[in-house]
Amino acid sequence: MQLLSGNEACAIGAIRAGVRFFAGYPITPSTEIAEYMARELPKLGGIFIQMEDEIASICAMNGATAAGMKAMTATSGPGFSLMQEGIGYSCMTEVPCIIVNVMRGGPATGLPTKPSQGDVMQARWGTHGDHPIVVLAPWSVAECFHLTVLAVNISERLRLPVIILLDEIVAHMREVVALPEKVDLYQAPKPTKGPDEFLIYDDDTNYDGPVVSFGEGYRIHISGLTHRKDGFPTNDAETIAWKMERLKRKIEDNKNWLWDFFYTDLGSDTVIVGYGSTARSAAEAKKIYEKKTGRSIGMVRLRMIWPFPYERLTALLKSAKRIIVPEMNQGQLKNEVERAVSPEVPVQPVNRVDGEMLTPEEILDVIG
């Protein structure tokens, strides 16, 4: 048993999952992740680099991944904004990597020491162009560990960036947790084709396929330009369409096992849909209400925000008469929930954007 913060558990999870490269720039409230990696990675033969800014950080991480290392960076707010082009490069080149974004109040410098959940849409659509992305949202210190391990496995398996969205509350709160010494890790197969035949972006390498890195005897060409199966840039319309469909398929072909959420009491008239620290407040509000009234309230807690489980929520919430979505933003996920349910079902937001925690009492006021 250990007393850990969410940031510390996230760093430990990354190390247990095999991350041996970290490039980052200190920024509140994510700095403890970099501090932990700076202490521990050199002991394991890993590499920690404090870069000059967040742009350099994500570019260094992309390079380390292309060279065969499991790599991660961590940031917040303005730093996450600076990383967006690099995230797009990760998507186009199909290099797996982990980006931890500890959300704080914004926009601009905003509220460096205050919590927020204002980066939900940025995490999905922050970089330009159609692109695949997976976004996880822990609600506890233990989940900071387990979802970081999961993020590494998903990233390695699908060959894409995975974003872990913490908020300042989850990142800095401390809980006693029992963490496993060993975790199950995905191991990509090596190619059966020789160097003269293997193509880095061939049809069998999109996900769950063979992987090679620089220095293994294979010819590798990586470019942020739209490219052919051999990695070299192209302006051919058919090849461009193939590449974009390839990226789309990473999510579309795998979303049924990617979707990750918990639910309870969905036969109730009122259902709460939450994530991150606000889901903790929602769970407490549910407990108080049920004890006071003897009536149940349903709840869905998303551990994976993107890809959003539209089809699953449509089925799960078909009998709900009212849905409540608590968030520390102005209603970013509420809009997605509305897309998943009947237009006749009201979706009520409970929002707070003043840098303070959303309380169970505020949710109870909306429940009525």
Foldseek 3Di string as FASTA:
>chain_A
DDKDALLLLLLVLLVLLFAQEFEEAAAPPNNVNLVNCVPPNVVVVGDYHDDPALCVRLVVQQVVQLQPGAYEYEEEAPSLLSCQQSQLLQFQQLGFYEYEYAYAADDDVGGRQFWFPACLVCQVPVHDDDFAEWEFFAAASNCSNVVSSVQSQLCQFQSHYYYYYAINCRRGDIDDDDDDSHDDHDDAAADPDDQVPDFQQDPQNRGSHHDDHPPPRHDAADDSAQPASNHHHDPDPVSSVVSSVSRVCSCVVCVVVVWDKDKDDLLAQEEEEEGYNVVVQVVVLQVVVCVVPVGGYMYMYGRIPPVPPLQVLQVSNANHQEYEYEGADDQPVLVVSCSNYDVNRYYHYQYHPPRDDDHNVSVNVVVD
